[in-house]
């Protein structure tokens, strides 16, 4: 996974960098383009979190903040059981985000597809405030296999352009 490149791409999208937005929307439909460009209305402040924290980015906008873990793959499914560290990281994110009452995001960037290549997932965090609970219900949870291992299936995530549009609606 060449995540550094995609961390920068996601950071550019969420912070409304015009050059990045132009690049990622070249193969997008009109609806996807409109959703992406909506980020210009209210961009996020996005900072790299550094690998040691167990998350890649922190995005802040108004009353919402997200720790974000970026994943990329040529295949449409990532099994956390393939790397023990991924499962440990997810469990740590649940613990920390529950204590801090924030919604963690997993941003999955698939390689080799046209259109909106980003899909967003979250983990189940108990005890969130009302607006956060409403938002969490709009973002698909990372699934578990029959053996209890986490897996992220790209097609089951919320497209990034739709999440951006929803956040603009929610935070107005």
Protein backbone atom coordinates (compact mmCIF):
# COMPACT_ATOMS: atom_id res chain seq x y z
CA UNK A 1 0.00 0.00 0.00
CA UNK A 2 1.55 3.30 -1.16
CA UNK A 3 -0.43 5.27 1.35
CA UNK A 4 1.68 8.46 1.57
CA UNK A 5 0.58 9.55 -1.90
CA UNK A 6 -3.06 8.96 -1.04
CA UNK A 7 -2.77 10.66 2.36
CA UNK A 8 -1.64 13.77 0.49
CA UNK A 9 -4.48 13.36 -2.02
CA UNK A 10 -7.12 13.07 0.71
CA UNK A 11 -5.59 15.97 2.61
CA UNK A 12 -5.80 18.08 -0.57
CA UNK A 13 -9.42 17.10 -1.16
CA UNK A 14 -10.57 17.84 2.38
CA UNK A 15 -8.67 21.13 2.56
CA UNK A 16 -10.16 22.19 -0.83
CA UNK A 17 -6.88 22.38 -2.74
CA UNK A 18 -7.99 23.36 -6.25
CA UNK A 19 -5.20 21.50 -8.03
CA UNK A 20 -5.89 18.27 -6.16
CA UNK A 21 -9.65 18.59 -6.68
CA UNK A 22 -9.14 19.12 -10.39
CA UNK A 23 -6.96 16.01 -10.61
CA UNK A 24 -9.25 13.66 -8.67
CA UNK A 25 -12.42 14.74 -10.45
CA UNK A 26 -11.22 14.28 -14.05
CA UNK A 27 -13.10 10.99 -14.43
CA UNK A 28 -16.00 11.83 -12.10
CA UNK A 29 -19.64 12.10 -13.07
CA UNK A 30 -21.39 15.47 -12.79
CA UNK A 31 -22.90 14.43 -9.43
CA UNK A 32 -19.51 13.33 -8.07
CA UNK A 33 -17.86 16.54 -9.31
CA UNK A 34 -20.52 18.64 -7.63
CA UNK A 35 -20.07 16.75 -4.36
CA UNK A 36 -16.30 17.17 -4.40
CA UNK A 37 -16.48 20.87 -5.24
CA UNK A 38 -18.84 21.43 -2.30
CA UNK A 39 -15.79 21.10 -0.04
CA UNK A 40 -14.82 24.60 -1.18
CA UNK A 41 -17.80 25.99 0.78
CA UNK A 42 -16.43 24.82 4.13
CA UNK A 43 -13.03 23.12 3.90
CA UNK A 44 -11.39 21.15 6.67
CA UNK A 45 -8.19 22.00 8.47
CA UNK A 46 -6.23 18.80 7.85
CA UNK A 47 -2.95 17.84 9.51
CA UNK A 48 -0.83 14.73 9.26
CA UNK A 49 -1.01 12.78 12.47
CA UNK A 50 2.16 10.76 12.00
CA UNK A 51 2.32 6.99 11.95
CA UNK A 52 3.07 6.54 15.63
CA UNK A 53 -0.41 7.74 16.60
CA UNK A 54 -2.08 4.92 14.71
CA UNK A 55 -3.87 7.32 12.40
CA UNK A 56 -2.76 9.24 9.33
CA UNK A 57 -4.72 12.51 9.31
CA UNK A 58 -6.78 14.68 11.61
CA UNK A 59 -9.52 16.71 9.92
CA UNK A 60 -11.23 19.57 11.79
CA UNK A 61 -14.18 21.65 10.66
CA UNK A 62 -16.60 23.49 12.92
CA UNK A 63 -17.90 21.16 15.58
CA UNK A 64 -16.71 18.00 13.82
CA UNK A 65 -13.28 16.42 13.91
CA UNK A 66 -12.13 13.09 12.56
CA UNK A 67 -9.03 11.00 13.04
CA UNK A 68 -8.55 9.35 9.64
CA UNK A 69 -6.72 6.18 8.69
CA UNK A 70 -5.97 5.98 4.96
CA UNK A 71 -5.90 2.63 3.17
CA UNK A 72 -5.36 1.87 -0.51
CA UNK A 73 -5.44 -1.27 -2.58
CA UNK A 74 -5.80 -2.62 -6.10
CA UNK A 75 -8.32 -5.13 -4.76
CA UNK A 76 -11.72 -4.14 -3.43
CA UNK A 77 -11.37 -5.81 -0.02
CA UNK A 78 -8.82 -5.29 2.74
CA UNK A 79 -8.73 -7.97 5.43
CA UNK A 80 -7.27 -6.72 8.69
CA UNK A 81 -6.37 -10.29 9.62
CA UNK A 82 -3.67 -10.15 6.92
CA UNK A 83 -1.71 -7.79 9.20
CA UNK A 84 -2.10 -8.15 12.97
CA UNK A 85 -1.12 -4.49 13.38
CA UNK A 86 -4.30 -3.39 11.55
CA UNK A 87 -6.54 -5.19 14.04
CA UNK A 88 -4.60 -3.77 16.99
CA UNK A 89 -4.87 -0.31 15.46
CA UNK A 90 -8.65 -0.61 14.99
CA UNK A 91 -9.12 -1.73 18.60
CA UNK A 92 -6.92 1.17 19.79
CA UNK A 93 -8.94 3.62 17.65
CA UNK A 94 -12.19 2.36 19.21
CA UNK A 95 -10.76 2.83 22.70
CA UNK A 96 -9.34 6.31 22.09
CA UNK A 97 -12.30 7.59 20.06
CA UNK A 98 -14.77 6.33 22.68
CA UNK A 99 -12.84 8.17 25.40
CA UNK A 100 -12.70 11.36 23.29
CA UNK A 101 -16.21 11.03 21.81
CA UNK A 102 -15.09 11.38 18.18
CA UNK A 103 -15.88 9.41 15.04
CA UNK A 104 -12.88 7.71 13.43
CA UNK A 105 -12.83 7.39 9.66
CA UNK A 106 -11.20 4.82 7.45
CA UNK A 107 -10.70 6.22 3.96
CA UNK A 108 -10.24 3.46 1.36
CA UNK A 109 -8.80 4.56 -1.98
CA UNK A 110 -9.09 1.91 -4.68
CA UNK A 111 -6.58 1.99 -7.50
CA UNK A 112 -7.44 1.66 -11.16
CA UNK A 113 -11.10 2.75 -11.07
CA UNK A 114 -12.69 5.78 -12.67
CA UNK A 115 -14.92 8.29 -10.90
CA UNK A 116 -14.97 8.70 -7.13
CA UNK A 117 -12.29 6.26 -5.98
CA UNK A 118 -12.69 7.02 -2.28
CA UNK A 119 -15.00 5.17 0.10
CA UNK A 120 -15.39 6.05 3.77
CA UNK A 121 -16.06 3.75 6.72
CA UNK A 122 -16.13 4.09 10.48
CA UNK A 123 -15.97 1.97 13.61
CA UNK A 124 -18.77 1.62 16.14
CA UNK A 125 -18.11 4.19 18.85
CA UNK A 126 -20.52 4.15 21.81
CA UNK A 127 -21.59 7.26 23.71
CA UNK A 128 -21.48 9.83 20.90
CA UNK A 129 -23.46 13.07 21.16
CA UNK A 130 -26.65 13.48 19.08
CA UNK A 131 -25.19 15.16 15.96
CA UNK A 132 -22.29 12.72 15.94
CA UNK A 133 -24.63 9.72 16.27
CA UNK A 134 -26.66 10.98 13.31
CA UNK A 135 -23.48 11.35 11.28
CA UNK A 136 -22.13 7.96 12.35
CA UNK A 137 -25.32 6.29 11.08
CA UNK A 138 -24.62 7.75 7.60
CA UNK A 139 -21.19 6.11 7.42
CA UNK A 140 -20.99 2.33 7.00
CA UNK A 141 -19.28 0.44 9.79
CA UNK A 142 -16.22 -1.64 9.08
CA UNK A 143 -17.53 -5.18 8.78
CA UNK A 144 -16.39 -8.28 10.61
CA UNK A 145 -15.88 -11.67 9.02
CA UNK A 146 -17.52 -14.81 10.40
CA UNK A 147 -14.26 -15.32 12.35
CA UNK A 148 -14.56 -11.87 13.97
CA UNK A 149 -11.84 -10.18 11.93
CA UNK A 150 -12.28 -6.70 10.49
CA UNK A 151 -12.62 -6.25 6.75
CA UNK A 152 -13.22 -3.23 4.55
CA UNK A 153 -15.09 -3.89 1.31
CA UNK A 154 -14.76 -0.84 -0.98
CA UNK A 155 -18.20 -1.09 -2.58
CA UNK A 156 -19.91 -0.98 0.83
CA UNK A 157 -18.43 2.38 1.84
CA UNK A 158 -20.02 5.78 1.44
CA UNK A 159 -18.52 7.62 -1.56
CA UNK A 160 -16.45 10.60 -0.42
CA UNK A 161 -18.38 13.06 -2.59
CA UNK A 162 -21.62 12.02 -0.85
CA UNK A 163 -20.09 12.39 2.61
CA UNK A 164 -18.84 15.88 1.74
CA UNK A 165 -22.30 16.90 0.52
CA UNK A 166 -23.91 15.45 3.66
CA UNK A 167 -21.44 17.24 5.96
CA UNK A 168 -22.17 20.54 4.22
CA UNK A 169 -25.90 19.96 4.85
CA UNK A 170 -25.40 18.83 8.45
CA UNK A 171 -23.09 21.65 9.50
CA UNK A 172 -25.03 24.59 8.09
